[in-house]
Amino acid sequence: IVQDYFNMMMVVDASGSDVDFDALS
């Protein structure tokens, strides 16, 4: 968080997901 602005980056593994990439996005 920089002066009230939030920034997050995640690396995730969706190989076990029950939704496809387009639905997730």
mmCIF file of all heavy atoms, coordinates in Angstrom:
data_MODEL
# 
_entry.id   MODEL 
# 
loop_
_atom_site.group_PDB 
_atom_site.id 
_atom_site.type_symbol 
_atom_site.label_atom_id 
_atom_site.label_alt_id 
_atom_site.label_comp_id 
_atom_site.label_asym_id 
_atom_site.label_entity_id 
_atom_site.label_seq_id 
_atom_site.pdbx_PDB_ins_code 
_atom_site.Cartn_x 
_atom_site.Cartn_y 
_atom_site.Cartn_z 
_atom_site.occupancy 
_atom_site.B_iso_or_equiv 
_atom_site.pdbx_formal_charge 
_atom_site.auth_seq_id 
_atom_site.auth_comp_id 
_atom_site.auth_asym_id 
_atom_site.auth_atom_id 
_atom_site.pdbx_PDB_model_num 
ATOM 1   N N   . ILE A 1 1  ? 0.868   -1.173  0.000   1.00 0.00 ? 1  ILE A N   1 
ATOM 2   C CA  . ILE A 1 1  ? 0.000   0.000   0.000   1.00 0.00 ? 1  ILE A CA  1 
ATOM 3   C C   . ILE A 1 1  ? 0.907   1.226   0.000   1.00 0.00 ? 1  ILE A C   1 
ATOM 4   O O   . ILE A 1 1  ? 1.791   1.351   0.841   1.00 0.00 ? 1  ILE A O   1 
ATOM 5   C CB  . ILE A 1 1  ? -0.926  0.018   1.223   1.00 0.00 ? 1  ILE A CB  1 
ATOM 6   C CG1 . ILE A 1 1  ? -1.817  -1.229  1.211   1.00 0.00 ? 1  ILE A CG1 1 
ATOM 7   C CG2 . ILE A 1 1  ? -1.777  1.285   1.234   1.00 0.00 ? 1  ILE A CG2 1 
ATOM 8   C CD1 . ILE A 1 1  ? -2.556  -1.467  2.491   1.00 0.00 ? 1  ILE A CD1 1 
ATOM 9   N N   . VAL A 1 2  ? 0.687   2.098   -0.968  1.00 0.00 ? 2  VAL A N   1 
ATOM 10  C CA  . VAL A 1 2  ? 1.461   3.327   -1.086  1.00 0.00 ? 2  VAL A CA  1 
ATOM 11  C C   . VAL A 1 2  ? 0.476   4.492   -1.106  1.00 0.00 ? 2  VAL A C   1 
ATOM 12  O O   . VAL A 1 2  ? -0.314  4.614   -2.055  1.00 0.00 ? 2  VAL A O   1 
ATOM 13  C CB  . VAL A 1 2  ? 2.331   3.324   -2.369  1.00 0.00 ? 2  VAL A CB  1 
ATOM 14  C CG1 . VAL A 1 2  ? 3.083   4.634   -2.503  1.00 0.00 ? 2  VAL A CG1 1 
ATOM 15  C CG2 . VAL A 1 2  ? 3.283   2.134   -2.377  1.00 0.00 ? 2  VAL A CG2 1 
ATOM 16  N N   . GLN A 1 3  ? 0.501   5.290   -0.055  1.00 0.00 ? 3  GLN A N   1 
ATOM 17  C CA  . GLN A 1 3  ? -0.377  6.459   0.067   1.00 0.00 ? 3  GLN A CA  1 
ATOM 18  C C   . GLN A 1 3  ? -1.825  6.146   -0.325  1.00 0.00 ? 3  GLN A C   1 
ATOM 19  O O   . GLN A 1 3  ? -2.384  6.744   -1.238  1.00 0.00 ? 3  GLN A O   1 
ATOM 20  C CB  . GLN A 1 3  ? 0.164   7.627   -0.757  1.00 0.00 ? 3  GLN A CB  1 
ATOM 21  C CG  . GLN A 1 3  ? 1.466   8.159   -0.224  1.00 0.00 ? 3  GLN A CG  1 
ATOM 22  C CD  . GLN A 1 3  ? 1.885   9.447   -0.917  1.00 0.00 ? 3  GLN A CD  1 
ATOM 23  O OE1 . GLN A 1 3  ? 1.147   10.016  -1.716  1.00 0.00 ? 3  GLN A OE1 1 
ATOM 24  N NE2 . GLN A 1 3  ? 3.079   9.907   -0.600  1.00 0.00 ? 3  GLN A NE2 1 
ATOM 25  N N   . ASP A 1 4  ? -2.409  5.200   0.343   1.00 0.00 ? 4  ASP A N   1 
ATOM 26  C CA  . ASP A 1 4  ? -3.815  4.804   0.156   1.00 0.00 ? 4  ASP A CA  1 
ATOM 27  C C   . ASP A 1 4  ? -4.094  4.039   -1.138  1.00 0.00 ? 4  ASP A C   1 
ATOM 28  O O   . ASP A 1 4  ? -5.249  3.771   -1.453  1.00 0.00 ? 4  ASP A O   1 
ATOM 29  C CB  . ASP A 1 4  ? -4.763  6.007   0.230   1.00 0.00 ? 4  ASP A CB  1 
ATOM 30  C CG  . ASP A 1 4  ? -4.761  6.682   1.590   1.00 0.00 ? 4  ASP A CG  1 
ATOM 31  O OD1 . ASP A 1 4  ? -4.567  5.972   2.604   1.00 0.00 ? 4  ASP A OD1 1 
ATOM 32  O OD2 . ASP A 1 4  ? -4.960  7.907   1.641   1.00 0.00 ? 4  ASP A OD2 1 
ATOM 33  N N   . TYR A 1 5  ? -3.069  3.704   -1.902  1.00 0.00 ? 5  TYR A N   1 
ATOM 34  C CA  . TYR A 1 5  ? -3.273  2.913   -3.111  1.00 0.00 ? 5  TYR A CA  1 
ATOM 35  C C   . TYR A 1 5  ? -2.766  1.497   -2.883  1.00 0.00 ? 5  TYR A C   1 
ATOM 36  O O   . TYR A 1 5  ? -1.631  1.279   -2.475  1.00 0.00 ? 5  TYR A O   1 
ATOM 37  C CB  . TYR A 1 5  ? -2.594  3.556   -4.327  1.00 0.00 ? 5  TYR A CB  1 
ATOM 38  C CG  . TYR A 1 5  ? -3.302  4.818   -4.718  1.00 0.00 ? 5  TYR A CG  1 
ATOM 39  C CD1 . TYR A 1 5  ? -2.864  6.056   -4.258  1.00 0.00 ? 5  TYR A CD1 1 
ATOM 40  C CD2 . TYR A 1 5  ? -4.452  4.769   -5.501  1.00 0.00 ? 5  TYR A CD2 1 
ATOM 41  C CE1 . TYR A 1 5  ? -3.545  7.212   -4.584  1.00 0.00 ? 5  TYR A CE1 1 
ATOM 42  C CE2 . TYR A 1 5  ? -5.135  5.930   -5.826  1.00 0.00 ? 5  TYR A CE2 1 
ATOM 43  C CZ  . TYR A 1 5  ? -4.675  7.141   -5.368  1.00 0.00 ? 5  TYR A CZ  1 
ATOM 44  O OH  . TYR A 1 5  ? -5.360  8.290   -5.677  1.00 0.00 ? 5  TYR A OH  1 
ATOM 45  N N   . PHE A 1 6  ? -3.631  0.541   -3.172  1.00 0.00 ? 6  PHE A N   1 
ATOM 46  C CA  . PHE A 1 6  ? -3.368  -0.877  -2.949  1.00 0.00 ? 6  PHE A CA  1 
ATOM 47  C C   . PHE A 1 6  ? -2.853  -1.507  -4.231  1.00 0.00 ? 6  PHE A C   1 
ATOM 48  O O   . PHE A 1 6  ? -3.380  -1.238  -5.314  1.00 0.00 ? 6  PHE A O   1 
ATOM 49  C CB  . PHE A 1 6  ? -4.681  -1.555  -2.521  1.00 0.00 ? 6  PHE A CB  1 
ATOM 50  C CG  . PHE A 1 6  ? -4.564  -3.026  -2.292  1.00 0.00 ? 6  PHE A CG  1 
ATOM 51  C CD1 . PHE A 1 6  ? -4.180  -3.519  -1.058  1.00 0.00 ? 6  PHE A CD1 1 
ATOM 52  C CD2 . PHE A 1 6  ? -4.855  -3.932  -3.301  1.00 0.00 ? 6  PHE A CD2 1 
ATOM 53  C CE1 . PHE A 1 6  ? -4.089  -4.878  -0.835  1.00 0.00 ? 6  PHE A CE1 1 
ATOM 54  C CE2 . PHE A 1 6  ? -4.762  -5.289  -3.091  1.00 0.00 ? 6  PHE A CE2 1 
ATOM 55  C CZ  . PHE A 1 6  ? -4.384  -5.764  -1.849  1.00 0.00 ? 6  PHE A CZ  1 
ATOM 56  N N   . ASN A 1 7  ? -1.836  -2.355  -4.107  1.00 0.00 ? 7  ASN A N   1 
ATOM 57  C CA  . ASN A 1 7  ? -1.286  -3.080  -5.252  1.00 0.00 ? 7  ASN A CA  1 
ATOM 58  C C   . ASN A 1 7  ? -0.977  -4.502  -4.804  1.00 0.00 ? 7  ASN A C   1 
ATOM 59  O O   . ASN A 1 7  ? -0.274  -4.697  -3.812  1.00 0.00 ? 7  ASN A O   1 
ATOM 60  C CB  . ASN A 1 7  ? -0.030  -2.384  -5.768  1.00 0.00 ? 7  ASN A CB  1 
ATOM 61  C CG  . ASN A 1 7  ? 0.521   -3.055  -7.005  1.00 0.00 ? 7  ASN A CG  1 
ATOM 62  O OD1 . ASN A 1 7  ? -0.212  -3.645  -7.783  1.00 0.00 ? 7  ASN A OD1 1 
ATOM 63  N ND2 . ASN A 1 7  ? 1.826   -2.971  -7.177  1.00 0.00 ? 7  ASN A ND2 1 
ATOM 64  N N   . MET A 1 8  ? -1.509  -5.480  -5.503  1.00 0.00 ? 8  MET A N   1 
ATOM 65  C CA  . MET A 1 8  ? -1.244  -6.881  -5.173  1.00 0.00 ? 8  MET A CA  1 
ATOM 66  C C   . MET A 1 8  ? -0.955  -7.654  -6.455  1.00 0.00 ? 8  MET A C   1 
ATOM 67  O O   . MET A 1 8  ? -1.574  -7.418  -7.492  1.00 0.00 ? 8  MET A O   1 
ATOM 68  C CB  . MET A 1 8  ? -2.450  -7.511  -4.466  1.00 0.00 ? 8  MET A CB  1 
ATOM 69  C CG  . MET A 1 8  ? -2.256  -8.978  -4.127  1.00 0.00 ? 8  MET A CG  1 
ATOM 70  S SD  . MET A 1 8  ? -3.543  -9.644  -3.032  1.00 0.00 ? 8  MET A SD  1 
ATOM 71  C CE  . MET A 1 8  ? -5.001  -9.551  -4.069  1.00 0.00 ? 8  MET A CE  1 
ATOM 72  N N   . MET A 1 9  ? -0.010  -8.562  -6.347  1.00 0.00 ? 9  MET A N   1 
ATOM 73  C CA  . MET A 1 9  ? 0.299   -9.462  -7.450  1.00 0.00 ? 9  MET A CA  1 
ATOM 74  C C   . MET A 1 9  ? 0.303   -10.875 -6.902  1.00 0.00 ? 9  MET A C   1 
ATOM 75  O O   . MET A 1 9  ? 0.884   -11.138 -5.851  1.00 0.00 ? 9  MET A O   1 
ATOM 76  C CB  . MET A 1 9  ? 1.658   -9.132  -8.065  1.00 0.00 ? 9  MET A CB  1 
ATOM 77  C CG  . MET A 1 9  ? 2.015   -9.981  -9.235  1.00 0.00 ? 9  MET A CG  1 
ATOM 78  S SD  . MET A 1 9  ? 3.526   -9.342  -9.984  1.00 0.00 ? 9  MET A SD  1 
ATOM 79  C CE  . MET A 1 9  ? 3.790   -10.573 -11.221 1.00 0.00 ? 9  MET A CE  1 
ATOM 80  N N   . MET A 1 10 ? -0.369  -11.759 -7.589  1.00 0.00 ? 10 MET A N   1 
ATOM 81  C CA  . MET A 1 10 ? -0.454  -13.155 -7.176  1.00 0.00 ? 10 MET A CA  1 
ATOM 82  C C   . MET A 1 10 ? -0.053  -14.051 -8.331  1.00 0.00 ? 10 MET A C   1 
ATOM 83  O O   . MET A 1 10 ? -0.346  -13.755 -9.493  1.00 0.00 ? 10 MET A O   1 
ATOM 84  C CB  . MET A 1 10 ? -1.891  -13.537 -6.787  1.00 0.00 ? 10 MET A CB  1 
ATOM 85  C CG  . MET A 1 10 ? -2.524  -12.645 -5.763  1.00 0.00 ? 10 MET A CG  1 
ATOM 86  S SD  . MET A 1 10 ? -4.273  -13.009 -5.558  1.00 0.00 ? 10 MET A SD  1 
ATOM 87  C CE  . MET A 1 10 ? -4.179  -14.311 -4.367  1.00 0.00 ? 10 MET A CE  1 
ATOM 88  N N   . VAL A 1 11 ? 0.611   -15.148 -8.005  1.00 0.00 ? 11 VAL A N   1 
ATOM 89  C CA  . VAL A 1 11 ? 0.842   -16.216 -8.966  1.00 0.00 ? 11 VAL A CA  1 
ATOM 90  C C   . VAL A 1 11 ? 0.027   -17.392 -8.444  1.00 0.00 ? 11 VAL A C   1 
ATOM 91  O O   . VAL A 1 11 ? 0.185   -17.797 -7.285  1.00 0.00 ? 11 VAL A O   1 
ATOM 92  C CB  . VAL A 1 11 ? 2.335   -16.600 -9.066  1.00 0.00 ? 11 VAL A CB  1 
ATOM 93  C CG1 . VAL A 1 11 ? 2.522   -17.734 -10.057 1.00 0.00 ? 11 VAL A CG1 1 
ATOM 94  C CG2 . VAL A 1 11 ? 3.179   -15.394 -9.460  1.00 0.00 ? 11 VAL A CG2 1 
ATOM 95  N N   . VAL A 1 12 ? -0.876  -17.886 -9.276  1.00 0.00 ? 12 VAL A N   1 
ATOM 96  C CA  . VAL A 1 12 ? -1.761  -18.964 -8.843  1.00 0.00 ? 12 VAL A CA  1 
ATOM 97  C C   . VAL A 1 12 ? -1.673  -20.143 -9.808  1.00 0.00 ? 12 VAL A C   1 
ATOM 98  O O   . VAL A 1 12 ? -1.277  -19.990 -10.960 1.00 0.00 ? 12 VAL A O   1 
ATOM 99  C CB  . VAL A 1 12 ? -3.227  -18.474 -8.730  1.00 0.00 ? 12 VAL A CB  1 
ATOM 100 C CG1 . VAL A 1 12 ? -3.330  -17.310 -7.751  1.00 0.00 ? 12 VAL A CG1 1 
ATOM 101 C CG2 . VAL A 1 12 ? -3.813  -18.100 -10.074 1.00 0.00 ? 12 VAL A CG2 1 
ATOM 102 N N   . ASP A 1 13 ? -2.054  -21.307 -9.299  1.00 0.00 ? 13 ASP A N   1 
ATOM 103 C CA  . ASP A 1 13 ? -2.133  -22.515 -10.115 1.00 0.00 ? 13 ASP A CA  1 
ATOM 104 C C   . ASP A 1 13 ? -3.603  -22.881 -10.258 1.00 0.00 ? 13 ASP A C   1 
ATOM 105 O O   . ASP A 1 13 ? -4.260  -23.211 -9.273  1.00 0.00 ? 13 ASP A O   1 
ATOM 106 C CB  . ASP A 1 13 ? -1.363  -23.654 -9.442  1.00 0.00 ? 13 ASP A CB  1 
ATOM 107 C CG  . ASP A 1 13 ? -1.461  -24.969 -10.196 1.00 0.00 ? 13 ASP A CG  1 
ATOM 108 O OD1 . ASP A 1 13 ? -1.970  -24.977 -11.337 1.00 0.00 ? 13 ASP A OD1 1 
ATOM 109 O OD2 . ASP A 1 13 ? -1.050  -25.995 -9.626  1.00 0.00 ? 13 ASP A OD2 1 
ATOM 110 N N   . ALA A 1 14 ? -4.103  -22.810 -11.478 1.00 0.00 ? 14 ALA A N   1 
ATOM 111 C CA  . ALA A 1 14 ? -5.513  -23.089 -11.730 1.00 0.00 ? 14 ALA A CA  1 
ATOM 112 C C   . ALA A 1 14 ? -5.733  -24.473 -12.335 1.00 0.00 ? 14 ALA A C   1 
ATOM 113 O O   . ALA A 1 14 ? -6.814  -24.771 -12.830 1.00 0.00 ? 14 ALA A O   1 
ATOM 114 C CB  . ALA A 1 14 ? -6.096  -22.015 -12.647 1.00 0.00 ? 14 ALA A CB  1 
ATOM 115 N N   . SER A 1 15 ? -4.735  -25.346 -12.266 1.00 0.00 ? 15 SER A N   1 
ATOM 116 C CA  . SER A 1 15 ? -4.881  -26.661 -12.890 1.00 0.00 ? 15 SER A CA  1 
ATOM 117 C C   . SER A 1 15 ? -5.965  -27.506 -12.220 1.00 0.00 ? 15 SER A C   1 
ATOM 118 O O   . SER A 1 15 ? -6.540  -28.382 -12.853 1.00 0.00 ? 15 SER A O   1 
ATOM 119 C CB  . SER A 1 15 ? -3.547  -27.408 -12.932 1.00 0.00 ? 15 SER A CB  1 
ATOM 120 O OG  . SER A 1 15 ? -3.010  -27.553 -11.640 1.00 0.00 ? 15 SER A OG  1 
ATOM 121 N N   . GLY A 1 16 ? -6.283  -27.259 -10.961 1.00 0.00 ? 16 GLY A N   1 
ATOM 122 C CA  . GLY A 1 16 ? -7.341  -28.006 -10.281 1.00 0.00 ? 16 GLY A CA  1 
ATOM 123 C C   . GLY A 1 16 ? -8.660  -27.264 -10.225 1.00 0.00 ? 16 GLY A C   1 
ATOM 124 O O   . GLY A 1 16 ? -9.612  -27.710 -9.573  1.00 0.00 ? 16 GLY A O   1 
ATOM 125 N N   . SER A 1 17 ? -8.736  -26.134 -10.904 1.00 0.00 ? 17 SER A N   1 
ATOM 126 C CA  . SER A 1 17 ? -9.914  -25.276 -10.826 1.00 0.00 ? 17 SER A CA  1 
ATOM 127 C C   . SER A 1 17 ? -11.127 -25.906 -11.506 1.00 0.00 ? 17 SER A C   1 
ATOM 128 O O   . SER A 1 17 ? -11.004 -26.653 -12.479 1.00 0.00 ? 17 SER A O   1 
ATOM 129 C CB  . SER A 1 17 ? -9.621  -23.921 -11.488 1.00 0.00 ? 17 SER A CB  1 
ATOM 130 O OG  . SER A 1 17 ? -10.753 -23.103 -11.436 1.00 0.00 ? 17 SER A OG  1 
ATOM 131 N N   . ASP A 1 18 ? -12.311 -25.550 -10.989 1.00 0.00 ? 18 ASP A N   1 
ATOM 132 C CA  . ASP A 1 18 ? -13.549 -26.027 -11.596 1.00 0.00 ? 18 ASP A CA  1 
ATOM 133 C C   . ASP A 1 18 ? -14.134 -25.015 -12.590 1.00 0.00 ? 18 ASP A C   1 
ATOM 134 O O   . ASP A 1 18 ? -15.241 -25.185 -13.072 1.00 0.00 ? 18 ASP A O   1 
ATOM 135 C CB  . ASP A 1 18 ? -14.574 -26.376 -10.513 1.00 0.00 ? 18 ASP A CB  1 
ATOM 136 C CG  . ASP A 1 18 ? -14.917 -25.209 -9.599  1.00 0.00 ? 18 ASP A CG  1 
ATOM 137 O OD1 . ASP A 1 18 ? -14.420 -24.091 -9.824  1.00 0.00 ? 18 ASP A OD1 1 
ATOM 138 O OD2 . ASP A 1 18 ? -15.687 -25.424 -8.641  1.00 0.00 ? 18 ASP A OD2 1 
ATOM 139 N N   . VAL A 1 19 ? -13.380 -23.939 -12.881 1.00 0.00 ? 19 VAL A N   1 
ATOM 140 C CA  . VAL A 1 19 ? -13.779 -22.972 -13.900 1.00 0.00 ? 19 VAL A CA  1 
ATOM 141 C C   . VAL A 1 19 ? -12.618 -22.768 -14.875 1.00 0.00 ? 19 VAL A C   1 
ATOM 142 O O   . VAL A 1 19 ? -11.456 -22.926 -14.502 1.00 0.00 ? 19 VAL A O   1 
ATOM 143 C CB  . VAL A 1 19 ? -14.187 -21.601 -13.289 1.00 0.00 ? 19 VAL A CB  1 
ATOM 144 C CG1 . VAL A 1 19 ? -15.435 -21.744 -12.448 1.00 0.00 ? 19 VAL A CG1 1 
ATOM 145 C CG2 . VAL A 1 19 ? -13.074 -20.987 -12.475 1.00 0.00 ? 19 VAL A CG2 1 
ATOM 146 N N   . ASP A 1 20 ? -12.934 -22.424 -16.110 1.00 0.00 ? 20 ASP A N   1 
ATOM 147 C CA  . ASP A 1 20 ? -11.865 -22.183 -17.079 1.00 0.00 ? 20 ASP A CA  1 
ATOM 148 C C   . ASP A 1 20 ? -11.314 -20.763 -16.924 1.00 0.00 ? 20 ASP A C   1 
ATOM 149 O O   . ASP A 1 20 ? -11.848 -19.950 -16.167 1.00 0.00 ? 20 ASP A O   1 
ATOM 150 C CB  . ASP A 1 20 ? -12.336 -22.455 -18.511 1.00 0.00 ? 20 ASP A CB  1 
ATOM 151 C CG  . ASP A 1 20 ? -13.411 -21.508 -19.013 1.00 0.00 ? 20 ASP A CG  1 
ATOM 152 O OD1 . ASP A 1 20 ? -13.622 -20.435 -18.396 1.00 0.00 ? 20 ASP A OD1 1 
ATOM 153 O OD2 . ASP A 1 20 ? -14.045 -21.825 -20.037 1.00 0.00 ? 20 ASP A OD2 1 
ATOM 154 N N   . PHE A 1 21 ? -10.251 -20.470 -17.660 1.00 0.00 ? 21 PHE A N   1 
ATOM 155 C CA  . PHE A 1 21 ? -9.566  -19.185 -17.535 1.00 0.00 ? 21 PHE A CA  1 
ATOM 156 C C   . PHE A 1 21 ? -10.507 -18.011 -17.820 1.00 0.00 ? 21 PHE A C   1 
ATOM 157 O O   . PHE A 1 21 ? -10.504 -17.024 -17.095 1.00 0.00 ? 21 PHE A O   1 
ATOM 158 C CB  . PHE A 1 21 ? -8.346  -19.113 -18.462 1.00 0.00 ? 21 PHE A CB  1 
ATOM 159 C CG  . PHE A 1 21 ? -7.712  -17.758 -18.468 1.00 0.00 ? 21 PHE A CG  1 
ATOM 160 C CD1 . PHE A 1 21 ? -6.861  -17.373 -17.443 1.00 0.00 ? 21 PHE A CD1 1 
ATOM 161 C CD2 . PHE A 1 21 ? -8.001  -16.839 -19.471 1.00 0.00 ? 21 PHE A CD2 1 
ATOM 162 C CE1 . PHE A 1 21 ? -6.293  -16.102 -17.419 1.00 0.00 ? 21 PHE A CE1 1 
ATOM 163 C CE2 . PHE A 1 21 ? -7.435  -15.571 -19.458 1.00 0.00 ? 21 PHE A CE2 1 
ATOM 164 C CZ  . PHE A 1 21 ? -6.582  -15.208 -18.439 1.00 0.00 ? 21 PHE A CZ  1 
ATOM 165 N N   . ASP A 1 22 ? -11.284 -18.113 -18.880 1.00 0.00 ? 22 ASP A N   1 
ATOM 166 C CA  . ASP A 1 22 ? -12.165 -17.000 -19.248 1.00 0.00 ? 22 ASP A CA  1 
ATOM 167 C C   . ASP A 1 22 ? -13.186 -16.701 -18.155 1.00 0.00 ? 22 ASP A C   1 
ATOM 168 O O   . ASP A 1 22 ? -13.437 -15.531 -17.835 1.00 0.00 ? 22 ASP A O   1 
ATOM 169 C CB  . ASP A 1 22 ? -12.867 -17.287 -20.581 1.00 0.00 ? 22 ASP A CB  1 
ATOM 170 C CG  . ASP A 1 22 ? -11.902 -17.278 -21.755 1.00 0.00 ? 22 ASP A CG  1 
ATOM 171 O OD1 . ASP A 1 22 ? -10.869 -16.579 -21.673 1.00 0.00 ? 22 ASP A OD1 1 
ATOM 172 O OD2 . ASP A 1 22 ? -12.178 -17.968 -22.754 1.00 0.00 ? 22 ASP A OD2 1 
ATOM 173 N N   . ALA A 1 23 ? -13.774 -17.740 -17.579 1.00 0.00 ? 23 ALA A N   1 
ATOM 174 C CA  . ALA A 1 23 ? -14.755 -17.548 -16.506 1.00 0.00 ? 23 ALA A CA  1 
ATOM 175 C C   . ALA A 1 23 ? -14.092 -16.955 -15.270 1.00 0.00 ? 23 ALA A C   1 
ATOM 176 O O   . ALA A 1 23 ? -14.646 -16.065 -14.617 1.00 0.00 ? 23 ALA A O   1 
ATOM 177 C CB  . ALA A 1 23 ? -15.434 -18.877 -16.165 1.00 0.00 ? 23 ALA A CB  1 
ATOM 178 N N   . LEU A 1 24 ? -12.889 -17.426 -14.951 1.00 0.00 ? 24 LEU A N   1 
ATOM 179 C CA  . LEU A 1 24 ? -12.144 -16.918 -13.804 1.00 0.00 ? 24 LEU A CA  1 
ATOM 180 C C   . LEU A 1 24 ? -11.817 -15.447 -13.998 1.00 0.00 ? 24 LEU A C   1 
ATOM 181 O O   . LEU A 1 24 ? -12.054 -14.621 -13.116 1.00 0.00 ? 24 LEU A O   1 
ATOM 182 C CB  . LEU A 1 24 ? -10.860 -17.730 -13.610 1.00 0.00 ? 24 LEU A CB  1 
ATOM 183 C CG  . LEU A 1 24 ? -9.969  -17.282 -12.480 1.00 0.00 ? 24 LEU A CG  1 
ATOM 184 C CD1 . LEU A 1 24 ? -9.752  -18.424 -11.491 1.00 0.00 ? 24 LEU A CD1 1 
ATOM 185 C CD2 . LEU A 1 24 ? -8.636  -16.809 -13.005 1.00 0.00 ? 24 LEU A CD2 1 
ATOM 186 N N   . SER A 1 25 ? -11.320 -15.095 -15.166 1.00 0.00 ? 25 SER A N   1 
ATOM 187 C CA  . SER A 1 25 ? -10.953 -13.718 -15.469 1.00 0.00 ? 25 SER A CA  1 
ATOM 188 C C   . SER A 1 25 ? -12.173 -12.798 -15.396 1.00 0.00 ? 25 SER A C   1 
ATOM 189 O O   . SER A 1 25 ? -12.109 -11.704 -14.826 1.00 0.00 ? 25 SER A O   1 
ATOM 190 C CB  . SER A 1 25 ? -10.309 -13.654 -16.861 1.00 0.00 ? 25 SER A CB  1 
ATOM 191 O OG  . SER A 1 25 ? -9.931  -12.349 -17.176 1.00 0.00 ? 25 SER A OG  1 
# 
